[in-house]
Amino acid sequence: MTTKAIPATRPAAPNRFRFTLLVLLGVYPLITGLSYAVGPFTAGWDIWQRTLIVTPIMAPLMVYGLIPFIQTRFRGWLMGR
C-alpha cells in the first residue's frame, strides 16, 4: 500500500501594505502618548535620552498589545477578504 504525500501548504500571508498602514495608525498615537507621558520627567534631556526611555516601553506594547490586536481584529481585511 502506497501513500501519497500531501504537499505542505503555506497559510496565506496578510497584505503587507495594509498591515503597515494599520501599524502606523496604531504606533502614532502610542508613541505620541508615551512622549507626552515621559515629557515632564525628561525635560531638558537630549532626544536620544528620551528615546532610550520610550523605546523599552514601546517595544513590548507593540509586540504584546498592538500587533496582536491588529492581527485578530483586522484579520479579514488583512487577508484581502
PDB file of N, CA and C in Angstrom:
ATOM      1  N   MET A   1       0.847  -1.167   0.000  1.00  0.00           N
ATOM      2  CA  MET A   1       0.000   0.000   0.000  1.00  0.00           C
ATOM      3  C   MET A   1       0.900   1.239   0.000  1.00  0.00           C
ATOM      4  N   THR A   2       0.695   2.072  -0.960  1.00  0.00           N
ATOM      5  CA  THR A   2       1.489   3.297  -1.038  1.00  0.00           C
ATOM      6  C   THR A   2       0.628   4.479  -0.615  1.00  0.00           C
ATOM      7  N   THR A   3       1.266   5.379   0.036  1.00  0.00           N
ATOM      8  CA  THR A   3       0.566   6.588   0.457  1.00  0.00           C
ATOM      9  C   THR A   3       1.185   7.768  -0.263  1.00  0.00           C
ATOM     10  N   LYS A   4       0.326   8.651  -0.672  1.00  0.00           N
ATOM     11  CA  LYS A   4       0.810   9.858  -1.338  1.00  0.00           C
ATOM     12  C   LYS A   4       1.056  10.926  -0.289  1.00  0.00           C
ATOM     13  N   ALA A   5       2.179  11.575  -0.445  1.00  0.00           N
ATOM     14  CA  ALA A   5       2.498  12.671   0.470  1.00  0.00           C
ATOM     15  C   ALA A   5       1.631  13.874   0.125  1.00  0.00           C
ATOM     16  N   ILE A   6       1.085  14.460   1.137  1.00  0.00           N
ATOM     17  CA  ILE A   6       0.288  15.668   0.944  1.00  0.00           C
ATOM     18  C   ILE A   6       1.239  16.858   0.992  1.00  0.00           C
ATOM     19  N   PRO A   7       1.261  17.645  -0.083  1.00  0.00           N
ATOM     20  CA  PRO A   7       2.182  18.788  -0.081  1.00  0.00           C
ATOM     21  C   PRO A   7       1.793  19.789   1.010  1.00  0.00           C
ATOM     22  N   ALA A   8       2.805  20.286   1.655  1.00  0.00           N
ATOM     23  CA  ALA A   8       2.571  21.287   2.701  1.00  0.00           C
ATOM     24  C   ALA A   8       2.153  22.600   2.046  1.00  0.00           C
ATOM     25  N   THR A   9       1.120  23.180   2.580  1.00  0.00           N
ATOM     26  CA  THR A   9       0.674  24.466   2.042  1.00  0.00           C
ATOM     27  C   THR A   9       0.936  25.538   3.069  1.00  0.00           C
ATOM     28  N   ARG A  10       1.368  26.651   2.585  1.00  0.00           N
ATOM     29  CA  ARG A  10       1.613  27.793   3.464  1.00  0.00           C
ATOM     30  C   ARG A  10       0.328  28.563   3.630  1.00  0.00           C
ATOM     31  N   PRO A  11       0.064  29.002   4.853  1.00  0.00           N
ATOM     32  CA  PRO A  11      -1.121  29.847   5.024  1.00  0.00           C
ATOM     33  C   PRO A  11      -0.933  31.166   4.282  1.00  0.00           C
ATOM     34  N   ALA A  12      -2.024  31.709   3.853  1.00  0.00           N
ATOM     35  CA  ALA A  12      -1.951  32.976   3.121  1.00  0.00           C
ATOM     36  C   ALA A  12      -1.361  34.059   4.023  1.00  0.00           C
ATOM     37  N   ALA A  13      -0.481  34.831   3.444  1.00  0.00           N
ATOM     38  CA  ALA A  13       0.168  35.916   4.190  1.00  0.00           C
ATOM     39  C   ALA A  13      -0.721  37.163   4.140  1.00  0.00           C
ATOM     40  N   PRO A  14      -0.717  37.927   5.217  1.00  0.00           N
ATOM     41  CA  PRO A  14      -1.509  39.164   5.190  1.00  0.00           C
ATOM     42  C   PRO A  14      -0.915  40.173   4.210  1.00  0.00           C
ATOM     43  N   ASN A  15      -1.744  41.061   3.755  1.00  0.00           N
ATOM     44  CA  ASN A  15      -1.308  42.119   2.860  1.00  0.00           C
ATOM     45  C   ASN A  15      -0.368  43.050   3.623  1.00  0.00           C
ATOM     46  N   ARG A  16       0.866  43.142   3.171  1.00  0.00           N
ATOM     47  CA  ARG A  16       1.872  43.925   3.895  1.00  0.00           C
ATOM     48  C   ARG A  16       1.561  45.414   3.920  1.00  0.00           C
ATOM     49  N   PHE A  17       1.045  45.917   2.820  1.00  0.00           N
ATOM     50  CA  PHE A  17       0.722  47.340   2.784  1.00  0.00           C
ATOM     51  C   PHE A  17      -0.367  47.669   3.811  1.00  0.00           C
ATOM     52  N   ARG A  18      -1.395  46.851   3.868  1.00  0.00           N
ATOM     53  CA  ARG A  18      -2.479  47.080   4.823  1.00  0.00           C
ATOM     54  C   ARG A  18      -1.987  46.938   6.260  1.00  0.00           C
ATOM     55  N   PHE A  19      -1.156  45.923   6.500  1.00  0.00           N
ATOM     56  CA  PHE A  19      -0.615  45.717   7.840  1.00  0.00           C
ATOM     57  C   PHE A  19       0.244  46.907   8.251  1.00  0.00           C
ATOM     58  N   THR A  20       1.084  47.381   7.333  1.00  0.00           N
ATOM     59  CA  THR A  20       1.928  48.546   7.600  1.00  0.00           C
ATOM     60  C   THR A  20       1.075  49.772   7.912  1.00  0.00           C
ATOM     61  N   LEU A  21       0.023  49.952   7.167  1.00  0.00           N
ATOM     62  CA  LEU A  21      -0.873  51.093   7.397  1.00  0.00           C
ATOM     63  C   LEU A  21      -1.499  51.023   8.791  1.00  0.00           C
ATOM     64  N   LEU A  22      -1.974  49.842   9.179  1.00  0.00           N
ATOM     65  CA  LEU A  22      -2.588  49.695  10.497  1.00  0.00           C
ATOM     66  C   LEU A  22      -1.575  49.879  11.623  1.00  0.00           C
ATOM     67  N   VAL A  23      -0.357  49.359  11.437  1.00  0.00           N
ATOM     68  CA  VAL A  23       0.677  49.546  12.459  1.00  0.00           C
ATOM     69  C   VAL A  23       1.017  51.028  12.584  1.00  0.00           C
ATOM     70  N   LEU A  24       1.125  51.709  11.475  1.00  0.00           N
ATOM     71  CA  LEU A  24       1.396  53.146  11.503  1.00  0.00           C
ATOM     72  C   LEU A  24       0.286  53.891  12.248  1.00  0.00           C
ATOM     73  N   LEU A  25      -0.952  53.537  11.970  1.00  0.00           N
ATOM     74  CA  LEU A  25      -2.075  54.187  12.645  1.00  0.00           C
ATOM     75  C   LEU A  25      -2.112  53.865  14.139  1.00  0.00           C
ATOM     76  N   GLY A  26      -1.579  52.736  14.532  1.00  0.00           N
ATOM     77  CA  GLY A  26      -1.525  52.383  15.941  1.00  0.00           C
ATOM     78  C   GLY A  26      -0.310  52.934  16.654  1.00  0.00           C
ATOM     79  N   VAL A  27       0.821  52.964  15.958  1.00  0.00           N
ATOM     80  CA  VAL A  27       2.065  53.425  16.575  1.00  0.00           C
ATOM     81  C   VAL A  27       2.045  54.921  16.813  1.00  0.00           C
ATOM     82  N   TYR A  28       1.470  55.680  15.901  1.00  0.00           N
ATOM     83  CA  TYR A  28       1.494  57.134  16.051  1.00  0.00           C
ATOM     84  C   TYR A  28       0.866  57.597  17.371  1.00  0.00           C
ATOM     85  N   PRO A  29      -0.361  57.193  17.686  1.00  0.00           N
ATOM     86  CA  PRO A  29      -0.908  57.647  18.970  1.00  0.00           C
ATOM     87  C   PRO A  29      -0.173  57.048  20.169  1.00  0.00           C
ATOM     88  N   LEU A  30       0.330  55.831  20.011  1.00  0.00           N
ATOM     89  CA  LEU A  30       1.058  55.197  21.107  1.00  0.00           C
ATOM     90  C   LEU A  30       2.349  55.953  21.417  1.00  0.00           C
ATOM     91  N   ILE A  31       3.127  56.275  20.411  1.00  0.00           N
ATOM     92  CA  ILE A  31       4.397  56.978  20.627  1.00  0.00           C
ATOM     93  C   ILE A  31       4.145  58.419  21.070  1.00  0.00           C
ATOM     94  N   THR A  32       3.083  59.031  20.542  1.00  0.00           N
ATOM     95  CA  THR A  32       2.754  60.403  20.951  1.00  0.00           C
ATOM     96  C   THR A  32       2.351  60.430  22.421  1.00  0.00           C
ATOM     97  N   GLY A  33       1.514  59.482  22.819  1.00  0.00           N
ATOM     98  CA  GLY A  33       1.105  59.403  24.218  1.00  0.00           C
ATOM     99  C   GLY A  33       2.266  59.134  25.151  1.00  0.00           C
ATOM    100  N   LEU A  34       3.150  58.229  24.762  1.00  0.00           N
ATOM    101  CA  LEU A  34       4.327  57.945  25.585  1.00  0.00           C
ATOM    102  C   LEU A  34       5.239  59.169  25.682  1.00  0.00           C
ATOM    103  N   SER A  35       5.380  59.870  24.584  1.00  0.00           N
ATOM    104  CA  SER A  35       6.219  61.071  24.600  1.00  0.00           C
ATOM    105  C   SER A  35       5.671  62.120  25.561  1.00  0.00           C
ATOM    106  N   TYR A  36       4.355  62.301  25.534  1.00  0.00           N
ATOM    107  CA  TYR A  36       3.736  63.231  26.485  1.00  0.00           C
ATOM    108  C   TYR A  36       3.863  62.728  27.917  1.00  0.00           C
ATOM    109  N   ALA A  37       3.758  61.422  28.110  1.00  0.00           N
ATOM    110  CA  ALA A  37       3.823  60.856  29.455  1.00  0.00           C
ATOM    111  C   ALA A  37       5.206  61.005  30.084  1.00  0.00           C
ATOM    112  N   VAL A  38       6.258  60.801  29.295  1.00  0.00           N
ATOM    113  CA  VAL A  38       7.613  60.901  29.857  1.00  0.00           C
ATOM    114  C   VAL A  38       8.165  62.315  29.773  1.00  0.00           C
ATOM    115  N   GLY A  39       7.507  63.175  29.020  1.00  0.00           N
ATOM    116  CA  GLY A  39       7.978  64.549  28.839  1.00  0.00           C
ATOM    117  C   GLY A  39       8.271  65.294  30.122  1.00  0.00           C
ATOM    118  N   PRO A  40       7.360  65.313  31.084  1.00  0.00           N
ATOM    119  CA  PRO A  40       7.622  66.051  32.319  1.00  0.00           C
ATOM    120  C   PRO A  40       8.815  65.507  33.119  1.00  0.00           C
ATOM    121  N   PHE A  41       9.058  64.215  32.976  1.00  0.00           N
ATOM    122  CA  PHE A  41      10.163  63.596  33.724  1.00  0.00           C
ATOM    123  C   PHE A  41      11.504  63.737  33.019  1.00  0.00           C
ATOM    124  N   THR A  42      11.458  64.072  31.719  1.00  0.00           N
ATOM    125  CA  THR A  42      12.689  64.134  30.928  1.00  0.00           C
ATOM    126  C   THR A  42      12.930  65.526  30.351  1.00  0.00           C
ATOM    127  N   ALA A  43      12.335  66.531  30.941  1.00  0.00           N
ATOM    128  CA  ALA A  43      12.529  67.901  30.453  1.00  0.00           C
ATOM    129  C   ALA A  43      14.008  68.256  30.519  1.00  0.00           C
ATOM    130  N   GLY A  44      14.518  68.783  29.443  1.00  0.00           N
ATOM    131  CA  GLY A  44      15.919  69.172  29.387  1.00  0.00           C
ATOM    132  C   GLY A  44      16.843  68.064  28.902  1.00  0.00           C
ATOM    133  N   TRP A  45      16.324  66.856  28.693  1.00  0.00           N
ATOM    134  CA  TRP A  45      17.152  65.755  28.197  1.00  0.00           C
ATOM    135  C   TRP A  45      17.318  65.865  26.682  1.00  0.00           C
ATOM    136  N   ASP A  46      18.382  65.287  26.168  1.00  0.00           N
ATOM    137  CA  ASP A  46      18.565  65.189  24.718  1.00  0.00           C
ATOM    138  C   ASP A  46      17.563  64.178  24.167  1.00  0.00           C
ATOM    139  N   ILE A  47      17.288  64.293  22.862  1.00  0.00           N
ATOM    140  CA  ILE A  47      16.317  63.405  22.229  1.00  0.00           C
ATOM    141  C   ILE A  47      16.729  61.935  22.337  1.00  0.00           C
ATOM    142  N   TRP A  48      18.021  61.646  22.234  1.00  0.00           N
ATOM    143  CA  TRP A  48      18.462  60.246  22.309  1.00  0.00           C
ATOM    144  C   TRP A  48      18.212  59.675  23.704  1.00  0.00           C
ATOM    145  N   GLN A  49      18.257  60.513  24.715  1.00  0.00           N
ATOM    146  CA  GLN A  49      17.998  60.043  26.075  1.00  0.00           C
ATOM    147  C   GLN A  49      16.501  59.765  26.279  1.00  0.00           C
ATOM    148  N   ARG A  50      15.672  60.614  25.722  1.00  0.00           N
ATOM    149  CA  ARG A  50      14.222  60.367  25.803  1.00  0.00           C
ATOM    150  C   ARG A  50      13.864  59.083  25.053  1.00  0.00           C
ATOM    151  N   THR A  51      14.462  58.927  23.886  1.00  0.00           N
ATOM    152  CA  THR A  51      14.215  57.722  23.094  1.00  0.00           C
ATOM    153  C   THR A  51      14.664  56.470  23.840  1.00  0.00           C
ATOM    154  N   LEU A  52      15.741  56.594  24.587  1.00  0.00           N
ATOM    155  CA  LEU A  52      16.248  55.478  25.385  1.00  0.00           C
ATOM    156  C   LEU A  52      15.240  55.055  26.456  1.00  0.00           C
ATOM    157  N   ILE A  53      14.436  55.971  26.928  1.00  0.00           N
ATOM    158  CA  ILE A  53      13.403  55.670  27.917  1.00  0.00           C
ATOM    159  C   ILE A  53      12.137  55.127  27.244  1.00  0.00           C
ATOM    160  N   VAL A  54      11.738  55.732  26.139  1.00  0.00           N
ATOM    161  CA  VAL A  54      10.481  55.389  25.480  1.00  0.00           C
ATOM    162  C   VAL A  54      10.563  54.034  24.758  1.00  0.00           C
ATOM    163  N   THR A  55      11.689  53.721  24.150  1.00  0.00           N
ATOM    164  CA  THR A  55      11.802  52.507  23.339  1.00  0.00           C
ATOM    165  C   THR A  55      11.543  51.218  24.119  1.00  0.00           C
ATOM    166  N   PRO A  56      12.116  51.018  25.309  1.00  0.00           N
ATOM    167  CA  PRO A  56      11.811  49.778  26.036  1.00  0.00           C
ATOM    168  C   PRO A  56      10.352  49.668  26.494  1.00  0.00           C
ATOM    169  N   ILE A  57       9.663  50.779  26.556  1.00  0.00           N
ATOM    170  CA  ILE A  57       8.231  50.746  26.872  1.00  0.00           C
ATOM    171  C   ILE A  57       7.441  50.435  25.604  1.00  0.00           C
ATOM    172  N   MET A  58       7.840  51.064  24.528  1.00  0.00           N
ATOM    173  CA  MET A  58       7.126  50.954  23.253  1.00  0.00           C
ATOM    174  C   MET A  58       7.199  49.552  22.654  1.00  0.00           C
ATOM    175  N   ALA A  59       8.365  48.927  22.674  1.00  0.00           N
ATOM    176  CA  ALA A  59       8.543  47.626  22.022  1.00  0.00           C
ATOM    177  C   ALA A  59       7.603  46.557  22.589  1.00  0.00           C
ATOM    178  N   PRO A  60       7.552  46.346  23.908  1.00  0.00           N
ATOM    179  CA  PRO A  60       6.616  45.333  24.415  1.00  0.00           C
ATOM    180  C   PRO A  60       5.145  45.697  24.178  1.00  0.00           C
ATOM    181  N   LEU A  61       4.822  46.988  24.245  1.00  0.00           N
ATOM    182  CA  LEU A  61       3.443  47.391  23.964  1.00  0.00           C
ATOM    183  C   LEU A  61       3.044  47.020  22.540  1.00  0.00           C
ATOM    184  N   MET A  62       3.977  47.143  21.617  1.00  0.00           N
ATOM    185  CA  MET A  62       3.705  46.765  20.230  1.00  0.00           C
ATOM    186  C   MET A  62       3.620  45.251  20.073  1.00  0.00           C
ATOM    187  N   VAL A  63       4.614  44.537  20.610  1.00  0.00           N
ATOM    188  CA  VAL A  63       4.694  43.093  20.399  1.00  0.00           C
ATOM    189  C   VAL A  63       3.555  42.347  21.093  1.00  0.00           C
ATOM    190  N   TYR A  64       3.224  42.750  22.308  1.00  0.00           N
ATOM    191  CA  TYR A  64       2.220  42.027  23.074  1.00  0.00           C
ATOM    192  C   TYR A  64       0.839  42.672  23.056  1.00  0.00           C
ATOM    193  N   GLY A  65       0.738  43.883  22.553  1.00  0.00           N
ATOM    194  CA  GLY A  65      -0.544  44.572  22.558  1.00  0.00           C
ATOM    195  C   GLY A  65      -1.024  44.974  21.180  1.00  0.00           C
ATOM    196  N   LEU A  66      -0.318  45.901  20.566  1.00  0.00           N
ATOM    197  CA  LEU A  66      -0.769  46.496  19.314  1.00  0.00           C
ATOM    198  C   LEU A  66      -0.826  45.494  18.167  1.00  0.00           C
ATOM    199  N   ILE A  67       0.253  44.786  17.925  1.00  0.00           N
ATOM    200  CA  ILE A  67       0.296  43.877  16.773  1.00  0.00           C
ATOM    201  C   ILE A  67      -0.690  42.714  16.913  1.00  0.00           C
ATOM    202  N   PRO A  68      -0.774  42.044  18.081  1.00  0.00           N
ATOM    203  CA  PRO A  68      -1.807  41.006  18.193  1.00  0.00           C
ATOM    204  C   PRO A  68      -3.228  41.558  18.028  1.00  0.00           C
ATOM    205  N   PHE A  69      -3.464  42.761  18.543  1.00  0.00           N
ATOM    206  CA  PHE A  69      -4.775  43.388  18.370  1.00  0.00           C
ATOM    207  C   PHE A  69      -5.083  43.585  16.891  1.00  0.00           C
ATOM    208  N   ILE A  70      -4.128  44.113  16.157  1.00  0.00           N
ATOM    209  CA  ILE A  70      -4.315  44.348  14.722  1.00  0.00           C
ATOM    210  C   ILE A  70      -4.551  43.029  13.995  1.00  0.00           C
ATOM    211  N   GLN A  71      -3.753  42.015  14.310  1.00  0.00           N
ATOM    212  CA  GLN A  71      -3.863  40.738  13.609  1.00  0.00           C
ATOM    213  C   GLN A  71      -5.202  40.042  13.865  1.00  0.00           C
ATOM    214  N   THR A  72      -5.741  40.157  15.068  1.00  0.00           N
ATOM    215  CA  THR A  72      -7.013  39.492  15.342  1.00  0.00           C
ATOM    216  C   THR A  72      -8.202  40.341  14.904  1.00  0.00           C
ATOM    217  N   ARG A  73      -8.154  41.612  15.185  1.00  0.00           N
ATOM    218  CA  ARG A  73      -9.282  42.498  14.897  1.00  0.00           C
ATOM    219  C   ARG A  73      -9.482  42.727  13.397  1.00  0.00           C
ATOM    220  N   PHE A  74      -8.389  42.789  12.641  1.00  0.00           N
ATOM    221  CA  PHE A  74      -8.464  43.124  11.219  1.00  0.00           C
ATOM    222  C   PHE A  74      -8.046  41.962  10.317  1.00  0.00           C
ATOM    223  N   ARG A  75      -8.124  40.735  10.835  1.00  0.00           N
ATOM    224  CA  ARG A  75      -7.666  39.560  10.065  1.00  0.00           C
ATOM    225  C   ARG A  75      -8.299  39.483   8.680  1.00  0.00           C
ATOM    226  N   GLY A  76      -9.590  39.627   8.604  1.00  0.00           N
ATOM    227  CA  GLY A  76     -10.267  39.525   7.305  1.00  0.00           C
ATOM    228  C   GLY A  76      -9.790  40.571   6.317  1.00  0.00           C
ATOM    229  N   TRP A  77      -9.658  41.793   6.777  1.00  0.00           N
ATOM    230  CA  TRP A  77      -9.217  42.873   5.875  1.00  0.00           C
ATOM    231  C   TRP A  77      -7.753  42.683   5.480  1.00  0.00           C
ATOM    232  N   LEU A  78      -6.928  42.208   6.417  1.00  0.00           N
ATOM    233  CA  LEU A  78      -5.512  42.000   6.104  1.00  0.00           C
ATOM    234  C   LEU A  78      -5.318  40.864   5.101  1.00  0.00           C
ATOM    235  N   MET A  79      -6.211  39.891   5.132  1.00  0.00           N
ATOM    236  CA  MET A  79      -6.087  38.759   4.228  1.00  0.00           C
ATOM    237  C   MET A  79      -6.730  39.043   2.871  1.00  0.00           C
ATOM    238  N   GLY A  80      -7.277  40.229   2.721  1.00  0.00           N
ATOM    239  CA  GLY A  80      -7.809  40.632   1.429  1.00  0.00           C
ATOM    240  C   GLY A  80      -9.241  40.187   1.175  1.00  0.00           C
ATOM    241  N   ARG A  81      -9.940  39.826   2.231  1.00  0.00           N
ATOM    242  CA  ARG A  81     -11.334  39.383   2.049  1.00  0.00           C
ATOM    243  C   ARG A  81     -12.276  40.547   2.067  1.00  0.00           C
TER     244      ARG A  81
END
